[in-house]
Amino acid sequence: MFFFGIFGIQQKDRPVKEFDNIICPECGRLTRAELRESFTYFHFFFIPIFKWNKQYFLQLRCCGSIYTVNPDYVRELQHGDSVDFDRLQKMQMPNNICPHCGSFINPNFAYCPFCGQKLS
């Protein structure tokens, strides 16, 4: 988070849609998946003015696998009920995602501010 008095730039991560009864291609279990949007935004008195650097991810609850979603496939996922894993790209766990809860965090943190688990 970066502030200029009453202005600021902040990173945000929010859930967009949840999918039920998905079979995980990694572990083969029946699970749930969550479509998440991550973006950076400029705000004035904590009122968002504009967003940039939008990225979409699909996170599975069973094994914590994360897939990047192509921007042209996002609209289909938002309005559909099924997920085509052939159109997604498996993502290695980056150091700005908590391995325990999947929240986007500052990689310099020793503990996750969302779940409280120690980061390695």
N, C-alpha and C. Protein backbone atom coordinates (compact mmCIF):
# COMPACT_ATOMS: atom_id res chain seq x y z
N MET A 1 0.85 -1.16 0.00
CA MET A 1 0.00 0.00 0.00
C MET A 1 0.90 1.23 0.00
N PHE A 2 0.55 2.23 -0.79
CA PHE A 2 1.36 3.42 -0.93
C PHE A 2 0.43 4.62 -0.88
N PHE A 3 0.71 5.59 -0.03
CA PHE A 3 -0.18 6.73 0.15
C PHE A 3 0.52 8.04 -0.19
N PHE A 4 -0.21 8.95 -0.81
CA PHE A 4 0.18 10.33 -1.01
C PHE A 4 -0.86 11.19 -0.31
N GLY A 5 -0.81 11.30 0.99
CA GLY A 5 -1.81 12.09 1.71
C GLY A 5 -3.18 11.47 1.58
N ILE A 6 -4.03 12.02 0.72
CA ILE A 6 -5.38 11.52 0.55
C ILE A 6 -5.51 10.59 -0.66
N PHE A 7 -4.43 10.41 -1.40
CA PHE A 7 -4.42 9.51 -2.55
C PHE A 7 -3.72 8.22 -2.16
N GLY A 8 -3.93 7.16 -2.92
CA GLY A 8 -3.22 5.92 -2.63
C GLY A 8 -3.32 4.93 -3.76
N ILE A 9 -2.39 3.99 -3.76
CA ILE A 9 -2.36 2.87 -4.69
C ILE A 9 -2.36 1.61 -3.85
N GLN A 10 -3.24 0.67 -4.20
CA GLN A 10 -3.38 -0.52 -3.38
C GLN A 10 -3.64 -1.74 -4.26
N GLN A 11 -3.22 -2.91 -3.78
CA GLN A 11 -3.46 -4.19 -4.44
C GLN A 11 -4.70 -4.82 -3.81
N LYS A 12 -5.56 -5.42 -4.64
CA LYS A 12 -6.77 -6.06 -4.10
C LYS A 12 -6.99 -7.40 -4.78
N ASP A 13 -7.51 -8.34 -4.01
CA ASP A 13 -7.84 -9.66 -4.48
C ASP A 13 -9.27 -9.95 -4.03
N ARG A 14 -10.13 -10.37 -4.95
CA ARG A 14 -11.51 -10.62 -4.56
C ARG A 14 -12.06 -11.84 -5.30
N PRO A 15 -12.96 -12.59 -4.64
CA PRO A 15 -13.60 -13.72 -5.33
C PRO A 15 -14.65 -13.22 -6.32
N VAL A 16 -14.75 -13.89 -7.45
CA VAL A 16 -15.71 -13.51 -8.48
C VAL A 16 -16.85 -14.53 -8.55
N LYS A 17 -16.50 -15.83 -8.58
CA LYS A 17 -17.51 -16.87 -8.70
C LYS A 17 -16.98 -18.16 -8.12
N GLU A 18 -17.87 -18.99 -7.62
CA GLU A 18 -17.48 -20.29 -7.09
C GLU A 18 -18.15 -21.39 -7.90
N PHE A 19 -17.38 -22.45 -8.17
CA PHE A 19 -17.86 -23.60 -8.92
C PHE A 19 -17.92 -24.80 -8.00
N ASP A 20 -19.01 -25.55 -8.07
CA ASP A 20 -19.18 -26.76 -7.27
C ASP A 20 -18.98 -27.99 -8.16
N ASN A 21 -18.65 -29.11 -7.53
CA ASN A 21 -18.55 -30.41 -8.19
C ASN A 21 -17.59 -30.41 -9.38
N ILE A 22 -16.38 -29.95 -9.13
CA ILE A 22 -15.32 -29.94 -10.13
C ILE A 22 -14.37 -31.10 -9.79
N ILE A 23 -13.93 -31.83 -10.79
CA ILE A 23 -12.93 -32.88 -10.57
C ILE A 23 -11.56 -32.29 -10.83
N CYS A 24 -10.72 -32.35 -9.81
CA CYS A 24 -9.38 -31.76 -9.89
C CYS A 24 -8.51 -32.57 -10.84
N PRO A 25 -7.88 -31.92 -11.84
CA PRO A 25 -6.98 -32.65 -12.74
C PRO A 25 -5.67 -33.06 -12.08
N GLU A 26 -5.33 -32.45 -10.95
CA GLU A 26 -4.07 -32.76 -10.25
C GLU A 26 -4.21 -33.98 -9.35
N CYS A 27 -5.22 -33.97 -8.48
CA CYS A 27 -5.35 -35.05 -7.49
C CYS A 27 -6.53 -35.97 -7.76
N GLY A 28 -7.43 -35.61 -8.67
CA GLY A 28 -8.55 -36.45 -9.04
C GLY A 28 -9.73 -36.43 -8.07
N ARG A 29 -9.70 -35.57 -7.09
CA ARG A 29 -10.79 -35.51 -6.11
C ARG A 29 -11.91 -34.58 -6.58
N LEU A 30 -13.12 -34.82 -6.06
CA LEU A 30 -14.24 -33.94 -6.30
C LEU A 30 -14.09 -32.74 -5.37
N THR A 31 -14.14 -31.54 -5.90
CA THR A 31 -13.82 -30.36 -5.11
C THR A 31 -14.61 -29.15 -5.58
N ARG A 32 -14.32 -28.03 -4.98
CA ARG A 32 -14.87 -26.74 -5.37
C ARG A 32 -13.73 -25.89 -5.93
N ALA A 33 -14.09 -24.96 -6.79
CA ALA A 33 -13.10 -24.04 -7.37
C ALA A 33 -13.63 -22.63 -7.23
N GLU A 34 -12.71 -21.69 -7.13
CA GLU A 34 -13.09 -20.29 -6.97
C GLU A 34 -12.35 -19.45 -8.01
N LEU A 35 -13.11 -18.68 -8.78
CA LEU A 35 -12.54 -17.73 -9.73
C LEU A 35 -12.24 -16.46 -8.97
N ARG A 36 -10.98 -16.00 -9.00
CA ARG A 36 -10.55 -14.82 -8.25
C ARG A 36 -9.98 -13.78 -9.20
N GLU A 37 -10.20 -12.52 -8.86
CA GLU A 37 -9.67 -11.39 -9.62
C GLU A 37 -8.66 -10.65 -8.75
N SER A 38 -7.51 -10.34 -9.31
CA SER A 38 -6.48 -9.57 -8.62
C SER A 38 -6.19 -8.34 -9.46
N PHE A 39 -6.11 -7.18 -8.81
CA PHE A 39 -5.85 -5.95 -9.55
C PHE A 39 -5.22 -4.91 -8.63
N THR A 40 -4.65 -3.90 -9.24
CA THR A 40 -4.11 -2.75 -8.54
C THR A 40 -5.04 -1.57 -8.83
N TYR A 41 -5.28 -0.74 -7.83
CA TYR A 41 -6.18 0.39 -8.08
C TYR A 41 -5.69 1.66 -7.38
N PHE A 42 -6.08 2.78 -7.95
CA PHE A 42 -5.77 4.10 -7.42
C PHE A 42 -7.03 4.60 -6.72
N HIS A 43 -6.87 5.12 -5.51
CA HIS A 43 -8.04 5.60 -4.79
C HIS A 43 -7.82 7.02 -4.25
N PHE A 44 -8.92 7.70 -4.04
CA PHE A 44 -8.97 9.04 -3.48
C PHE A 44 -9.92 8.97 -2.29
N PHE A 45 -9.41 9.22 -1.08
CA PHE A 45 -10.18 9.06 0.15
C PHE A 45 -10.80 7.66 0.22
N PHE A 46 -10.03 6.65 -0.17
CA PHE A 46 -10.43 5.25 -0.15
C PHE A 46 -11.59 4.94 -1.09
N ILE A 47 -11.85 5.80 -2.05
CA ILE A 47 -12.83 5.55 -3.10
C ILE A 47 -12.06 5.18 -4.36
N PRO A 48 -12.22 3.96 -4.89
CA PRO A 48 -11.46 3.55 -6.08
C PRO A 48 -11.79 4.43 -7.29
N ILE A 49 -10.74 4.91 -7.95
CA ILE A 49 -10.91 5.76 -9.13
C ILE A 49 -10.74 4.94 -10.41
N PHE A 50 -9.61 4.20 -10.54
CA PHE A 50 -9.43 3.32 -11.69
C PHE A 50 -8.55 2.14 -11.32
N LYS A 51 -8.71 1.05 -12.11
CA LYS A 51 -7.99 -0.21 -11.88
C LYS A 51 -7.05 -0.48 -13.05
N TRP A 52 -5.99 -1.24 -12.77
CA TRP A 52 -5.12 -1.73 -13.81
C TRP A 52 -4.47 -3.03 -13.33
N ASN A 53 -3.74 -3.68 -14.22
CA ASN A 53 -3.04 -4.92 -13.91
C ASN A 53 -4.01 -6.01 -13.45
N LYS A 54 -5.15 -6.14 -14.14
CA LYS A 54 -6.14 -7.16 -13.79
C LYS A 54 -5.62 -8.54 -14.20
N GLN A 55 -5.76 -9.50 -13.30
CA GLN A 55 -5.42 -10.89 -13.56
C GLN A 55 -6.50 -11.75 -12.94
N TYR A 56 -6.78 -12.89 -13.57
CA TYR A 56 -7.79 -13.81 -13.06
C TYR A 56 -7.14 -15.16 -12.80
N PHE A 57 -7.57 -15.79 -11.70
CA PHE A 57 -7.03 -17.08 -11.29
C PHE A 57 -8.17 -17.99 -10.90
N LEU A 58 -7.99 -19.29 -11.11
CA LEU A 58 -8.92 -20.29 -10.63
C LEU A 58 -8.19 -21.12 -9.59
N GLN A 59 -8.71 -21.13 -8.37
CA GLN A 59 -8.06 -21.85 -7.28
C GLN A 59 -8.94 -23.01 -6.85
N LEU A 60 -8.34 -24.20 -6.76
CA LEU A 60 -9.05 -25.40 -6.32
C LEU A 60 -8.86 -25.58 -4.83
N ARG A 61 -9.91 -26.01 -4.14
CA ARG A 61 -9.85 -26.13 -2.69
C ARG A 61 -9.21 -27.42 -2.21
N CYS A 62 -9.19 -28.46 -3.01
CA CYS A 62 -8.69 -29.76 -2.56
C CYS A 62 -7.19 -29.73 -2.30
N CYS A 63 -6.42 -29.39 -3.30
CA CYS A 63 -4.97 -29.42 -3.19
C CYS A 63 -4.33 -28.04 -3.29
N GLY A 64 -5.16 -26.99 -3.47
CA GLY A 64 -4.64 -25.63 -3.55
C GLY A 64 -4.04 -25.27 -4.90
N SER A 65 -4.26 -26.09 -5.92
CA SER A 65 -3.73 -25.78 -7.25
C SER A 65 -4.32 -24.47 -7.75
N ILE A 66 -3.50 -23.70 -8.44
CA ILE A 66 -3.93 -22.42 -8.97
C ILE A 66 -3.66 -22.40 -10.48
N TYR A 67 -4.64 -21.95 -11.23
CA TYR A 67 -4.54 -21.85 -12.68
C TYR A 67 -4.76 -20.40 -13.10
N THR A 68 -3.98 -19.94 -14.05
CA THR A 68 -4.22 -18.61 -14.61
C THR A 68 -5.29 -18.72 -15.68
N VAL A 69 -6.15 -17.71 -15.74
CA VAL A 69 -7.26 -17.72 -16.68
C VAL A 69 -7.02 -16.65 -17.73
N ASN A 70 -7.11 -17.03 -18.98
CA ASN A 70 -6.96 -16.11 -20.10
C ASN A 70 -8.11 -15.10 -20.05
N PRO A 71 -7.84 -13.80 -20.27
CA PRO A 71 -8.91 -12.78 -20.16
C PRO A 71 -10.12 -13.02 -21.07
N ASP A 72 -9.93 -13.66 -22.23
CA ASP A 72 -11.08 -13.90 -23.10
C ASP A 72 -11.93 -15.08 -22.62
N TYR A 73 -11.42 -15.90 -21.71
CA TYR A 73 -12.18 -17.02 -21.16
C TYR A 73 -12.91 -16.63 -19.86
N VAL A 74 -12.58 -15.48 -19.28
CA VAL A 74 -13.16 -15.05 -18.00
C VAL A 74 -14.66 -14.86 -18.13
N ARG A 75 -15.13 -14.22 -19.17
CA ARG A 75 -16.57 -13.96 -19.34
C ARG A 75 -17.35 -15.27 -19.45
N GLU A 76 -16.78 -16.25 -20.15
CA GLU A 76 -17.45 -17.56 -20.25
C GLU A 76 -17.54 -18.22 -18.88
N LEU A 77 -16.49 -18.11 -18.08
CA LEU A 77 -16.51 -18.70 -16.74
C LEU A 77 -17.52 -17.99 -15.84
N GLN A 78 -17.64 -16.69 -15.96
CA GLN A 78 -18.56 -15.93 -15.12
C GLN A 78 -20.02 -16.31 -15.40
N HIS A 79 -20.33 -16.67 -16.63
CA HIS A 79 -21.72 -16.97 -17.00
C HIS A 79 -22.00 -18.45 -17.13
N GLY A 80 -20.98 -19.30 -17.06
CA GLY A 80 -21.17 -20.73 -17.20
C GLY A 80 -21.08 -21.46 -15.88
N ASP A 81 -21.31 -22.77 -15.94
CA ASP A 81 -21.26 -23.60 -14.73
C ASP A 81 -20.16 -24.64 -14.77
N SER A 82 -19.44 -24.75 -15.87
CA SER A 82 -18.39 -25.75 -15.97
C SER A 82 -17.05 -25.08 -16.29
N VAL A 83 -15.98 -25.83 -16.02
CA VAL A 83 -14.63 -25.32 -16.23
C VAL A 83 -13.91 -26.25 -17.20
N ASP A 84 -13.30 -25.68 -18.24
CA ASP A 84 -12.50 -26.44 -19.19
C ASP A 84 -11.02 -26.24 -18.83
N PHE A 85 -10.42 -27.24 -18.20
CA PHE A 85 -9.04 -27.11 -17.73
C PHE A 85 -8.03 -27.09 -18.88
N ASP A 86 -8.45 -27.48 -20.09
CA ASP A 86 -7.56 -27.40 -21.25
C ASP A 86 -7.30 -25.95 -21.64
N ARG A 87 -8.20 -25.04 -21.28
CA ARG A 87 -8.04 -23.62 -21.60
C ARG A 87 -7.35 -22.83 -20.49
N LEU A 88 -6.96 -23.50 -19.41
CA LEU A 88 -6.28 -22.86 -18.29
C LEU A 88 -4.83 -23.28 -18.27
N GLN A 89 -4.00 -22.48 -17.63
CA GLN A 89 -2.58 -22.80 -17.52
C GLN A 89 -2.23 -22.96 -16.05
N LYS A 90 -1.65 -24.13 -15.70
CA LYS A 90 -1.26 -24.41 -14.32
C LYS A 90 -0.18 -23.43 -13.92
N MET A 91 -0.32 -22.89 -12.73
CA MET A 91 0.61 -21.88 -12.24
C MET A 91 1.42 -22.45 -11.09
N GLN A 92 2.71 -22.23 -11.13
CA GLN A 92 3.54 -22.60 -9.99
C GLN A 92 3.21 -21.66 -8.85
N MET A 93 3.34 -22.13 -7.63
CA MET A 93 3.00 -21.30 -6.47
C MET A 93 3.99 -20.15 -6.35
N PRO A 94 3.57 -18.92 -6.67
CA PRO A 94 4.47 -17.78 -6.53
C PRO A 94 4.65 -17.42 -5.06
N ASN A 95 5.64 -16.60 -4.77
CA ASN A 95 5.90 -16.26 -3.37
C ASN A 95 4.99 -15.14 -2.85
N ASN A 96 4.05 -14.64 -3.67
CA ASN A 96 3.12 -13.64 -3.15
C ASN A 96 1.73 -14.22 -2.90
N ILE A 97 1.63 -15.56 -2.87
CA ILE A 97 0.38 -16.24 -2.55
C ILE A 97 0.63 -17.14 -1.34
N CYS A 98 -0.22 -17.04 -0.33
CA CYS A 98 -0.09 -17.87 0.87
C CYS A 98 -0.38 -19.32 0.50
N PRO A 99 0.51 -20.27 0.82
CA PRO A 99 0.27 -21.67 0.49
C PRO A 99 -0.82 -22.31 1.34
N HIS A 100 -1.23 -21.66 2.43
CA HIS A 100 -2.24 -22.22 3.32
C HIS A 100 -3.65 -21.79 2.94
N CYS A 101 -3.86 -20.50 2.67
CA CYS A 101 -5.22 -20.02 2.40
C CYS A 101 -5.38 -19.49 0.97
N GLY A 102 -4.29 -19.27 0.24
CA GLY A 102 -4.37 -18.82 -1.15
C GLY A 102 -4.56 -17.33 -1.33
N SER A 103 -4.45 -16.55 -0.28
CA SER A 103 -4.61 -15.09 -0.38
C SER A 103 -3.33 -14.45 -0.92
N PHE A 104 -3.50 -13.34 -1.62
CA PHE A 104 -2.35 -12.61 -2.13
C PHE A 104 -1.77 -11.77 -1.00
N ILE A 105 -0.46 -11.88 -0.78
CA ILE A 105 0.21 -11.24 0.34
C ILE A 105 1.50 -10.60 -0.11
N ASN A 106 2.07 -9.78 0.74
CA ASN A 106 3.39 -9.22 0.52
C ASN A 106 4.42 -10.33 0.74
N PRO A 107 5.32 -10.59 -0.20
CA PRO A 107 6.28 -11.69 -0.04
C PRO A 107 7.27 -11.47 1.10
N ASN A 108 7.35 -10.28 1.67
CA ASN A 108 8.26 -10.01 2.78
C ASN A 108 7.66 -10.38 4.13
N PHE A 109 6.38 -10.73 4.18
CA PHE A 109 5.73 -11.07 5.45
C PHE A 109 6.24 -12.40 5.97
N ALA A 110 6.37 -12.52 7.29
CA ALA A 110 6.74 -13.79 7.93
C ALA A 110 5.50 -14.62 8.24
N TYR A 111 4.36 -13.94 8.45
CA TYR A 111 3.10 -14.61 8.73
C TYR A 111 2.02 -14.07 7.78
N CYS A 112 1.09 -14.92 7.41
CA CYS A 112 -0.02 -14.50 6.53
C CYS A 112 -0.99 -13.64 7.35
N PRO A 113 -1.33 -12.44 6.89
CA PRO A 113 -2.27 -11.60 7.64
C PRO A 113 -3.72 -12.09 7.56
N PHE A 114 -4.01 -13.04 6.67
CA PHE A 114 -5.38 -13.53 6.51
C PHE A 114 -5.65 -14.78 7.34
N CYS A 115 -4.71 -15.74 7.35
CA CYS A 115 -4.94 -16.98 8.09
C CYS A 115 -4.04 -17.13 9.30
N GLY A 116 -2.98 -16.32 9.41
CA GLY A 116 -2.10 -16.36 10.57
C GLY A 116 -1.02 -17.42 10.54
N GLN A 117 -0.95 -18.20 9.46
CA GLN A 117 0.04 -19.28 9.38
C GLN A 117 1.43 -18.71 9.06
N LYS A 118 2.45 -19.37 9.57
CA LYS A 118 3.83 -18.98 9.30
C LYS A 118 4.19 -19.31 7.87
N LEU A 119 4.81 -18.37 7.20
CA LEU A 119 5.24 -18.57 5.81
C LEU A 119 6.68 -19.02 5.79
N SER A 120 6.99 -19.93 4.89
CA SER A 120 8.37 -20.44 4.84
C SER A 120 9.20 -19.74 3.80
